[in-house]
């Protein structure tokens, strides 16, 4: 009986830690990669809350090693758990969580607790440390708190969990002391109003150790608007593309996992290499985990620097793939990357001296000062409203041309169509009521009028025209983008 009760408690705990705590009629996480805390607070109030977004993933907030050239990855080299790096200090961090929570936007921390820094020098909060001796006195950690140094053999699960990821000093989370230090850090962030955590390098930690850590942390802080006894939202980086040694299902008792297959499988489809018609079985039929177990994305800060996923650098298929991800009923939490322009993989965020540059904004709302800001592209933020509008409906009226053109409806509330080869110029079945609708990919629905294409529905069909060389590869609309004439 006791074992049964423990089992039930673990199931309930895991379910609670899979809830992102979105406000009603909010959806999607935007990763404001390398943004400063004060800029995130302003973006929560001025843009994200007005467009229906649900939350923001932030870059790691703890003290990190100062690396020559200030590459983005220095934030993944923690020196201590002091909240002080180029994004801001604890005061500005608290201001961000307060303002964002008040605006209905949740904050999720990129949590780096697998390892400590290997880059020598001094920390961003002026802490000293010694990587050779594995000494990090600002925590404090000493050499006895780490696994012995070894290179990872990716054919061996024990090596993946116990050896050093790209030489980073690997913490031994099986030790009570190490777990307690991580719990202290997590609890402090919860006190400051965060809603959850993306667990960096979760694959390189033992699931049992993570389970013990997250089952021991505080409930979310009710002073920031969370209901009593709310658990932190947990989503874990467990890369599952070519790895058959570590099973991402082993991490589901802790929270959701990041489903890397989503972006990996959609890239060749929207690049035109694989027929779109096969997406009729998208989801578990393609080997993805069940939607409620996952957070999905087209790319993240690592994979946008590779060649296996789409990114802002191939914008047309990238936007179409994001549109499909938001239009399809696969029931995951969706995440959007919002980054900066880069020419080399180590490139620092836009900066003046050692100070990260705040994004500027052009007259159409897109970003300047070196920031891409994909979340401010209208084909992307309009699909947030699409997702919210069609919530609870099924996919129906599937259509394809037998190759690289598809369309479908979402109940009687939404419609999406895309081509990656050739024109679409035909009538397609839809469940939308008769009338004229604004295409929210080529433009927006603004004060009852369309700034882009218009889609006309009559007798259960919508006439769709997408030219192969049009700026956008897709069209989409929903019931709230219907044009009413009085």
Protein backbone atom coordinates (compact mmCIF):
# COMPACT_ATOMS: atom_id res chain seq x y z
CA UNK A 1 0.00 0.00 0.00
CA UNK A 2 2.82 2.42 0.89
CA UNK A 3 4.50 1.86 -2.50
CA UNK A 4 1.17 2.49 -4.23
CA UNK A 5 0.68 5.78 -2.33
CA UNK A 6 4.20 6.95 -3.24
CA UNK A 7 3.53 6.05 -6.88
CA UNK A 8 0.29 8.07 -6.90
CA UNK A 9 2.03 11.05 -5.28
CA UNK A 10 4.73 10.99 -7.97
CA UNK A 11 2.13 10.90 -10.75
CA UNK A 12 0.27 13.87 -9.25
CA UNK A 13 3.54 15.77 -8.78
CA UNK A 14 4.63 15.16 -12.38
CA UNK A 15 1.26 16.33 -13.71
CA UNK A 16 1.47 19.51 -11.61
CA UNK A 17 4.95 20.24 -12.96
CA UNK A 18 3.70 20.02 -16.57
CA UNK A 19 1.38 23.03 -16.16
CA UNK A 20 2.87 26.27 -17.59
CA UNK A 21 0.41 28.41 -15.59
CA UNK A 22 -0.67 30.46 -18.60
CA UNK A 23 -3.42 32.97 -18.06
CA UNK A 24 -6.71 32.18 -19.79
CA UNK A 25 -6.60 32.80 -23.56
CA UNK A 26 -2.81 32.97 -23.51
CA UNK A 27 -0.49 30.60 -25.33
CA UNK A 28 3.09 30.02 -26.30
CA UNK A 29 6.49 30.77 -24.79
CA UNK A 30 8.86 33.19 -26.46
CA UNK A 31 12.56 32.74 -25.72
CA UNK A 32 13.90 36.29 -25.42
CA UNK A 33 17.44 35.07 -25.86
CA UNK A 34 20.07 37.31 -24.25
CA UNK A 35 17.60 40.12 -23.46
CA UNK A 36 18.18 42.21 -20.34
CA UNK A 37 15.67 41.87 -17.52
CA UNK A 38 14.49 45.47 -17.74
CA UNK A 39 13.84 45.11 -21.50
CA UNK A 40 11.87 41.90 -20.92
CA UNK A 41 9.69 43.67 -18.35
CA UNK A 42 8.86 46.38 -20.86
CA UNK A 43 8.20 43.84 -23.63
CA UNK A 44 5.80 41.93 -21.36
CA UNK A 45 3.76 45.07 -20.79
CA UNK A 46 3.92 46.71 -24.21
CA UNK A 47 3.74 43.76 -26.62
CA UNK A 48 3.52 40.18 -25.35
CA UNK A 49 0.49 40.72 -23.12
CA UNK A 50 -1.35 42.47 -25.96
CA UNK A 51 -0.69 39.68 -28.48
CA UNK A 52 -1.83 36.72 -26.37
CA UNK A 53 1.54 35.21 -25.48
CA UNK A 54 1.74 33.07 -22.37
CA UNK A 55 5.30 33.32 -21.10
CA UNK A 56 8.97 34.15 -21.60
CA UNK A 57 11.99 31.89 -21.33
CA UNK A 58 14.96 33.93 -20.14
CA UNK A 59 18.68 33.28 -20.40
CA UNK A 60 20.47 31.88 -17.32
CA UNK A 61 20.40 34.53 -14.57
CA UNK A 62 23.22 33.35 -12.29
CA UNK A 63 26.77 34.64 -12.13
CA UNK A 64 28.86 33.30 -15.01
CA UNK A 65 32.47 33.30 -16.14
CA UNK A 66 33.59 36.36 -18.09
CA UNK A 67 34.86 35.02 -21.42
CA UNK A 68 36.87 37.02 -23.96
CA UNK A 69 34.55 38.38 -26.67
CA UNK A 70 31.54 37.81 -24.36
CA UNK A 71 30.00 34.91 -26.38
CA UNK A 72 26.41 33.93 -25.57
CA UNK A 73 27.56 30.63 -24.12
CA UNK A 74 29.39 32.28 -21.23
CA UNK A 75 26.01 32.33 -19.44
CA UNK A 76 26.11 28.51 -19.53
CA UNK A 77 29.33 28.58 -17.48
CA UNK A 78 28.08 29.29 -13.94
CA UNK A 79 30.48 30.45 -11.24
CA UNK A 80 27.91 30.83 -8.46
CA UNK A 81 24.16 31.12 -7.96
CA UNK A 82 24.34 34.87 -7.31
CA UNK A 83 21.86 36.68 -9.56
CA UNK A 84 24.21 39.02 -11.33
CA UNK A 85 25.32 38.92 -14.96
CA UNK A 86 25.04 41.09 -18.07
CA UNK A 87 21.25 40.69 -18.15
CA UNK A 88 20.88 42.38 -14.76
CA UNK A 89 21.08 41.92 -11.01
CA UNK A 90 18.59 40.62 -8.45
CA UNK A 91 16.81 43.98 -8.19
CA UNK A 92 16.07 44.19 -11.90
CA UNK A 93 15.25 40.47 -11.97
CA UNK A 94 12.54 40.99 -9.35
CA UNK A 95 11.22 44.02 -11.22
CA UNK A 96 10.95 41.87 -14.36
CA UNK A 97 9.02 39.04 -12.69
CA UNK A 98 6.70 41.49 -10.92
CA UNK A 99 5.87 43.48 -14.04
CA UNK A 100 5.55 40.43 -16.29
CA UNK A 101 3.33 38.52 -13.86
CA UNK A 102 1.13 41.59 -13.45
CA UNK A 103 0.80 41.69 -17.24
CA UNK A 104 -0.10 37.98 -17.38
CA UNK A 105 3.23 36.82 -18.79
CA UNK A 106 5.00 34.01 -16.95
CA UNK A 107 8.79 33.83 -16.56
CA UNK A 108 10.71 30.56 -17.04
CA UNK A 109 14.38 30.40 -16.09
CA UNK A 110 16.97 28.53 -18.15
CA UNK A 111 18.39 26.55 -15.22
CA UNK A 112 22.06 25.50 -15.48
CA UNK A 113 22.85 23.08 -12.65
CA UNK A 114 24.50 20.16 -14.44
CA UNK A 115 27.93 21.71 -14.24
CA UNK A 116 30.11 24.68 -13.32
CA UNK A 117 32.39 26.84 -15.45
CA UNK A 118 35.51 25.57 -17.15
CA UNK A 119 36.59 28.95 -18.56
CA UNK A 120 39.19 30.48 -16.21
CA UNK A 121 39.06 34.01 -14.84
CA UNK A 122 36.58 35.93 -12.72
CA UNK A 123 32.79 35.89 -12.47
CA UNK A 124 30.29 38.58 -13.43
CA UNK A 125 29.60 39.24 -9.71
CA UNK A 126 33.38 39.44 -9.11
CA UNK A 127 33.58 35.97 -7.56
CA UNK A 128 36.86 34.10 -7.82
CA UNK A 129 37.09 30.39 -8.64
CA UNK A 130 39.61 27.77 -9.74
CA UNK A 131 38.55 25.36 -12.47
CA UNK A 132 41.60 23.12 -12.16
CA UNK A 133 40.89 22.55 -8.48
CA UNK A 134 37.10 22.49 -9.08
CA UNK A 135 36.76 25.18 -6.45
CA UNK A 136 33.80 27.59 -6.56
CA UNK A 137 33.82 29.28 -3.14
CA UNK A 138 30.84 31.59 -3.82
CA UNK A 139 28.49 28.56 -3.68
CA UNK A 140 30.59 26.91 -2.13
CA UNK A 141 31.55 23.81 -4.12
CA UNK A 142 34.86 21.99 -3.77
CA UNK A 143 36.36 19.13 -5.75
CA UNK A 144 34.52 16.53 -3.66
CA UNK A 145 31.18 17.77 -5.05
CA UNK A 146 32.01 16.80 -8.64
CA UNK A 147 32.28 13.62 -10.65
CA UNK A 148 35.81 12.59 -11.66
CA UNK A 149 36.85 14.26 -14.91
CA UNK A 150 36.22 12.16 -18.01
CA UNK A 151 35.11 12.62 -21.60
CA UNK A 152 31.61 11.52 -22.61
CA UNK A 153 31.04 8.25 -24.44
CA UNK A 154 27.63 8.79 -26.07
CA UNK A 155 27.12 5.04 -26.34
CA UNK A 156 27.09 4.73 -22.55
CA UNK A 157 24.31 6.18 -20.37
CA UNK A 158 26.48 6.30 -17.25
CA UNK A 159 29.16 8.24 -19.11
CA UNK A 160 26.55 10.67 -20.48
CA UNK A 161 25.34 11.40 -16.92
CA UNK A 162 28.66 11.33 -15.04
CA UNK A 163 31.28 12.75 -17.41
CA UNK A 164 32.01 16.30 -18.53
CA UNK A 165 29.90 17.94 -21.23
CA UNK A 166 32.41 19.81 -23.45
CA UNK A 167 34.81 19.83 -20.50
CA UNK A 168 32.45 21.62 -18.08
CA UNK A 169 32.96 20.54 -14.46
CA UNK A 170 30.25 17.96 -13.80
CA UNK A 171 28.39 18.26 -10.50
CA UNK A 172 27.43 15.07 -8.64
CA UNK A 173 23.72 15.57 -7.96
CA UNK A 174 23.55 12.23 -6.12
CA UNK A 175 25.15 14.04 -3.18
CA UNK A 176 22.71 15.51 -0.66
CA UNK A 177 24.82 18.67 -0.30
CA UNK A 178 24.81 19.36 -4.06
CA UNK A 179 21.07 18.81 -4.28
CA UNK A 180 20.50 21.16 -1.34
CA UNK A 181 22.52 23.94 -3.00
CA UNK A 182 20.52 23.55 -6.20
CA UNK A 183 17.25 23.52 -4.24
CA UNK A 184 18.31 26.74 -2.45
CA UNK A 185 18.93 28.38 -5.83
CA UNK A 186 15.62 27.18 -7.30
CA UNK A 187 13.70 28.24 -4.18
CA UNK A 188 15.23 31.71 -4.32
CA UNK A 189 14.07 32.09 -7.93
CA UNK A 190 10.59 30.91 -6.93
CA UNK A 191 10.54 33.48 -4.12
CA UNK A 192 11.30 36.10 -6.78
CA UNK A 193 8.24 35.11 -8.82
CA UNK A 194 9.29 32.73 -11.58
CA UNK A 195 6.75 30.22 -12.91
CA UNK A 196 9.09 27.45 -13.93
CA UNK A 197 12.36 26.19 -15.35
CA UNK A 198 13.84 24.91 -18.57
CA UNK A 199 16.40 22.42 -17.25
CA UNK A 200 19.56 22.77 -19.32
CA UNK A 201 21.48 19.55 -20.05
CA UNK A 202 18.90 17.43 -18.21
CA UNK A 203 20.01 14.47 -20.31
CA UNK A 204 23.38 14.69 -18.54
CA UNK A 205 21.85 14.28 -15.08
CA UNK A 206 20.23 11.20 -13.57
CA UNK A 207 16.40 11.35 -13.61
CA UNK A 208 16.21 10.17 -10.00
CA UNK A 209 18.43 13.04 -8.86
CA UNK A 210 16.29 15.59 -10.72
CA UNK A 211 13.15 14.03 -9.29
CA UNK A 212 14.50 14.43 -5.76
CA UNK A 213 15.45 18.06 -6.42
CA UNK A 214 12.15 19.20 -7.91
CA UNK A 215 9.98 17.26 -5.48
CA UNK A 216 11.69 19.19 -2.68
CA UNK A 217 11.34 22.77 -3.94
CA UNK A 218 8.77 25.28 -2.76
CA UNK A 219 5.34 25.92 -4.17
CA UNK A 220 5.16 28.95 -6.44
CA UNK A 221 4.92 32.34 -4.74
CA UNK A 222 1.28 33.37 -4.27
CA UNK A 223 2.40 37.01 -3.93
CA UNK A 224 3.00 36.90 -7.69
CA UNK A 225 -0.50 35.72 -8.48
CA UNK A 226 -0.04 31.94 -8.46
CA UNK A 227 -2.77 29.83 -6.83
CA UNK A 228 -2.01 28.06 -3.56
CA UNK A 229 0.07 24.88 -3.87
CA UNK A 230 1.10 25.49 -7.50
CA UNK A 231 4.18 23.58 -8.59
CA UNK A 232 6.88 25.04 -10.83
CA UNK A 233 6.55 24.23 -14.53
CA UNK A 234 9.44 21.94 -15.53
CA UNK A 235 10.60 21.27 -19.09
CA UNK A 236 13.85 19.45 -19.66
CA UNK A 237 16.49 19.49 -22.38
CA UNK A 238 16.77 15.83 -23.37
CA UNK A 239 18.00 15.74 -26.97
CA UNK A 240 16.57 12.65 -28.64
CA UNK A 241 17.46 12.93 -32.32
CA UNK A 242 20.27 10.38 -32.80
CA UNK A 243 20.48 9.02 -29.27
CA UNK A 244 19.07 5.60 -28.42
CA UNK A 245 20.99 5.31 -25.15
CA UNK A 246 19.10 7.87 -23.05
CA UNK A 247 15.32 7.59 -23.26
CA UNK A 248 13.51 10.91 -22.91
CA UNK A 249 10.54 9.06 -21.39
CA UNK A 250 12.68 8.47 -18.30
CA UNK A 251 12.32 12.19 -17.53
CA UNK A 252 8.52 12.39 -17.75
CA UNK A 253 7.99 11.69 -14.02
CA UNK A 254 9.70 15.07 -13.41
CA UNK A 255 7.94 17.27 -15.98
CA UNK A 256 7.73 17.83 -19.72
CA UNK A 257 10.62 17.29 -22.10
CA UNK A 258 11.79 19.45 -25.00
CA UNK A 259 10.78 17.54 -28.15
CA UNK A 260 13.67 18.14 -30.54
CA UNK A 261 12.16 15.86 -33.18
CA UNK A 262 9.56 18.55 -33.90
CA UNK A 263 11.97 20.98 -35.55
CA UNK A 264 14.19 18.23 -36.92
CA UNK A 265 11.34 16.51 -38.79
CA UNK A 266 9.55 19.66 -39.99
CA UNK A 267 12.69 21.19 -41.53
CA UNK A 268 12.96 18.85 -44.56
CA UNK A 269 9.20 19.08 -45.10
CA UNK A 270 9.13 22.87 -45.28
CA UNK A 271 12.41 23.00 -47.18
CA UNK A 272 10.65 21.00 -49.89
CA UNK A 273 12.67 17.80 -49.50
CA UNK A 274 9.87 15.65 -48.00
CA UNK A 275 6.23 15.75 -49.19
CA UNK A 276 3.95 17.77 -46.94
CA UNK A 277 1.14 15.27 -47.52
CA UNK A 278 2.70 12.94 -44.95
CA UNK A 279 2.05 15.52 -42.22
CA UNK A 280 -1.52 14.20 -42.12
CA UNK A 281 -0.26 11.83 -39.38
CA UNK A 282 1.83 14.51 -37.62
CA UNK A 283 2.49 13.99 -33.94
CA UNK A 284 2.93 10.61 -32.31
CA UNK A 285 2.65 9.07 -35.79
CA UNK A 286 6.05 10.63 -36.49
CA UNK A 287 7.61 9.32 -33.27
CA UNK A 288 7.00 12.42 -31.15
CA UNK A 289 5.96 11.98 -27.55
CA UNK A 290 2.35 12.70 -26.60
CA UNK A 291 1.71 16.45 -26.77
CA UNK A 292 0.92 17.01 -23.06
CA UNK A 293 4.37 15.61 -22.25
CA UNK A 294 6.30 18.04 -24.44
CA UNK A 295 7.44 21.55 -25.26
CA UNK A 296 7.96 21.92 -29.02
CA UNK A 297 9.81 24.44 -31.17
CA UNK A 298 11.29 24.83 -34.63
CA UNK A 299 14.72 25.80 -33.31
CA UNK A 300 16.40 26.88 -30.10
CA UNK A 301 19.54 28.87 -29.32
CA UNK A 302 21.74 25.83 -30.02
CA UNK A 303 20.06 24.36 -33.10
CA UNK A 304 19.67 27.70 -34.91
CA UNK A 305 23.46 27.63 -35.07
CA UNK A 306 23.43 24.25 -36.81
CA UNK A 307 22.20 23.03 -40.19
CA UNK A 308 19.49 20.53 -39.24
CA UNK A 309 16.65 22.91 -38.42
CA UNK A 310 15.09 26.02 -39.91
CA UNK A 311 15.90 29.47 -38.56
CA UNK A 312 15.46 33.16 -39.30
CA UNK A 313 18.19 32.77 -41.94
CA UNK A 314 15.72 30.92 -44.22
CA UNK A 315 12.72 33.00 -43.25
CA UNK A 316 10.06 31.87 -45.74
CA UNK A 317 9.97 28.13 -44.91
CA UNK A 318 10.74 28.98 -41.28
CA UNK A 319 7.62 31.13 -40.89
CA UNK A 320 5.51 28.53 -42.71
CA UNK A 321 6.73 25.78 -40.36
CA UNK A 322 5.95 27.91 -37.30
CA UNK A 323 2.52 28.59 -38.78
CA UNK A 324 1.91 24.86 -39.18
CA UNK A 325 3.12 24.20 -35.63
CA UNK A 326 0.58 26.68 -34.25
CA UNK A 327 -2.22 25.61 -36.58
CA UNK A 328 -1.94 21.86 -35.92
CA UNK A 329 -3.80 20.41 -32.88
CA UNK A 330 -0.77 18.50 -31.54
CA UNK A 331 -1.35 19.44 -27.91
CA UNK A 332 2.07 20.57 -26.73
CA UNK A 333 3.32 23.79 -25.19
CA UNK A 334 4.78 25.77 -28.09
CA UNK A 335 7.97 27.83 -27.89
CA UNK A 336 9.27 30.49 -30.28
CA UNK A 337 12.89 31.56 -30.58
CA UNK A 338 13.52 35.31 -30.59
CA UNK A 339 17.16 36.02 -31.20
CA UNK A 340 19.71 38.37 -32.73
CA UNK A 341 21.51 38.40 -36.07
CA UNK A 342 24.79 36.48 -36.05
CA UNK A 343 27.52 35.61 -38.54
CA UNK A 344 29.43 33.13 -36.40
CA UNK A 345 28.22 30.66 -33.82
CA UNK A 346 30.04 32.28 -30.88
CA UNK A 347 28.92 35.82 -31.66
CA UNK A 348 27.92 37.95 -28.68
CA UNK A 349 24.51 39.63 -28.53
CA UNK A 350 24.31 43.24 -29.78
CA UNK A 351 26.37 45.34 -27.40
CA UNK A 352 28.20 48.57 -26.71
CA UNK A 353 31.37 47.74 -24.86
CA UNK A 354 30.41 45.16 -22.24
CA UNK A 355 26.78 46.31 -22.09
CA UNK A 356 24.10 44.38 -23.98
CA UNK A 357 22.24 46.73 -26.32
CA UNK A 358 18.50 47.11 -25.86
CA UNK A 359 16.34 46.36 -28.91
CA UNK A 360 15.03 49.30 -30.85
CA UNK A 361 11.78 49.28 -32.82
CA UNK A 362 10.92 50.42 -36.31
CA UNK A 363 7.62 51.99 -37.36
CA UNK A 364 6.12 48.56 -38.20
CA UNK A 365 7.02 47.17 -34.76
CA UNK A 366 9.93 44.99 -35.85
CA UNK A 367 13.25 45.24 -34.04
CA UNK A 368 16.41 47.17 -34.81
CA UNK A 369 19.85 47.40 -33.15
CA UNK A 370 20.87 43.95 -34.37
CA UNK A 371 17.92 42.03 -32.92
CA UNK A 372 15.82 39.65 -35.07
CA UNK A 373 12.82 39.51 -32.71
CA UNK A 374 10.91 36.77 -34.54
CA UNK A 375 8.06 37.13 -32.03
CA UNK A 376 7.35 40.56 -33.52
CA UNK A 377 6.97 39.22 -37.07
CA UNK A 378 3.24 39.42 -37.86
CA UNK A 379 3.01 35.90 -39.41
CA UNK A 380 4.23 34.61 -36.05
CA UNK A 381 2.43 36.71 -33.46
CA UNK A 382 -0.83 36.46 -35.44
CA UNK A 383 -0.63 32.69 -35.13
CA UNK A 384 -0.66 33.05 -31.35
CA UNK A 385 -4.17 34.47 -31.70
CA UNK A 386 -5.01 31.67 -34.16
CA UNK A 387 -3.95 29.06 -31.58
CA UNK A 388 -5.97 30.73 -28.85
CA UNK A 389 -9.02 31.06 -31.11
CA UNK A 390 -9.13 27.42 -32.27
CA UNK A 391 -8.32 25.94 -28.86
CA UNK A 392 -10.33 22.77 -28.24
CA UNK A 393 -11.13 22.06 -31.89
CA UNK A 394 -10.02 19.10 -34.00
CA UNK A 395 -8.29 19.02 -37.36
CA UNK A 396 -10.76 18.41 -40.21
CA UNK A 397 -11.21 18.92 -43.96
CA UNK A 398 -7.64 17.78 -44.68
CA UNK A 399 -6.59 18.58 -48.27
CA UNK A 400 -3.38 17.95 -50.17
CA UNK A 401 -2.29 17.83 -53.79
CA UNK A 402 -0.54 14.49 -53.30
CA UNK A 403 2.79 16.19 -52.75
CA UNK A 404 4.00 19.46 -51.25
CA UNK A 405 0.80 21.43 -50.74
CA UNK A 406 -1.59 20.94 -47.82
CA UNK A 407 -4.53 22.63 -46.11
CA UNK A 408 -6.84 21.89 -43.20
CA UNK A 409 -9.45 23.44 -40.96
CA UNK A 410 -9.64 23.55 -37.18
CA UNK A 411 -13.27 22.79 -36.40
CA UNK A 412 -15.35 25.70 -37.70
CA UNK A 413 -12.93 28.26 -36.26
CA UNK A 414 -9.71 28.24 -38.32
CA UNK A 415 -8.06 27.41 -41.65
CA UNK A 416 -4.43 26.99 -42.75
CA UNK A 417 -2.88 26.28 -46.18
CA UNK A 418 0.73 26.13 -47.39
CA UNK A 419 2.78 25.33 -50.48
CA UNK A 420 6.49 24.65 -50.67
CA UNK A 421 6.45 23.91 -54.41
CA UNK A 422 4.29 25.52 -57.08
CA UNK A 423 1.21 27.72 -56.91
CA UNK A 424 -2.01 26.95 -55.09
CA UNK A 425 -4.94 28.38 -57.04
CA UNK A 426 -8.04 26.37 -56.22
CA UNK A 427 -11.09 25.96 -54.00
CA UNK A 428 -10.41 23.98 -50.86
CA UNK A 429 -13.03 22.53 -48.46
CA UNK A 430 -13.32 24.31 -45.12
CA UNK A 431 -15.58 24.26 -42.10
CA UNK A 432 -15.48 28.03 -41.70
CA UNK A 433 -18.84 29.81 -42.05
CA UNK A 434 -19.44 31.72 -45.28
CA UNK A 435 -17.94 35.19 -45.45
CA UNK A 436 -14.75 37.14 -46.08
CA UNK A 437 -11.74 36.72 -43.83
CA UNK A 438 -8.36 38.37 -43.46
CA UNK A 439 -5.30 36.25 -44.15
CA UNK A 440 -3.21 36.69 -41.01
CA UNK A 441 0.02 35.51 -42.65
CA UNK A 442 0.36 38.13 -45.41
CA UNK A 443 -1.08 40.82 -43.12
CA UNK A 444 -3.26 41.41 -40.09
CA UNK A 445 -6.88 42.00 -39.17
CA UNK A 446 -6.92 45.62 -38.01
CA UNK A 447 -10.11 47.48 -37.06
CA UNK A 448 -12.26 45.25 -39.24
CA UNK A 449 -10.03 45.49 -42.32
CA UNK A 450 -7.23 43.42 -43.87
CA UNK A 451 -3.70 44.68 -44.35
CA UNK A 452 -2.93 41.58 -46.45
CA UNK A 453 -4.90 39.12 -48.57
CA UNK A 454 -8.61 38.40 -48.21
CA UNK A 455 -9.96 34.84 -48.17
CA UNK A 456 -13.55 34.28 -49.32
CA UNK A 457 -15.58 31.33 -48.04
CA UNK A 458 -18.75 30.20 -49.78
CA UNK A 459 -20.70 26.94 -49.60
CA UNK A 460 -18.04 25.12 -47.60
CA UNK A 461 -15.11 26.10 -49.83
CA UNK A 462 -12.43 28.78 -49.62
CA UNK A 463 -10.62 30.02 -52.69
CA UNK A 464 -6.88 29.96 -52.00
CA UNK A 465 -4.19 31.57 -54.10
CA UNK A 466 -0.57 31.34 -53.01
CA UNK A 467 2.04 32.00 -55.66
CA UNK A 468 5.20 29.94 -55.54
CA UNK A 469 7.23 33.16 -55.43
CA UNK A 470 5.02 35.06 -53.00
CA UNK A 471 6.75 36.51 -49.98
CA UNK A 472 4.87 34.08 -47.71
CA UNK A 473 4.36 30.36 -48.36
CA UNK A 474 1.12 30.07 -46.37
CA UNK A 475 -2.25 31.61 -45.63
CA UNK A 476 -4.26 31.29 -42.43
CA UNK A 477 -7.36 32.76 -40.91
CA UNK A 478 -9.81 32.26 -38.06
CA UNK A 479 -13.28 33.20 -36.98
CA UNK A 480 -12.10 36.35 -35.19
CA UNK A 481 -10.55 37.65 -38.42
CA UNK A 482 -13.89 37.64 -40.25
CA UNK A 483 -14.87 40.87 -41.97
CA UNK A 484 -18.36 42.02 -41.03
CA UNK A 485 -20.31 44.50 -43.15
CA UNK A 486 -23.13 46.49 -41.59
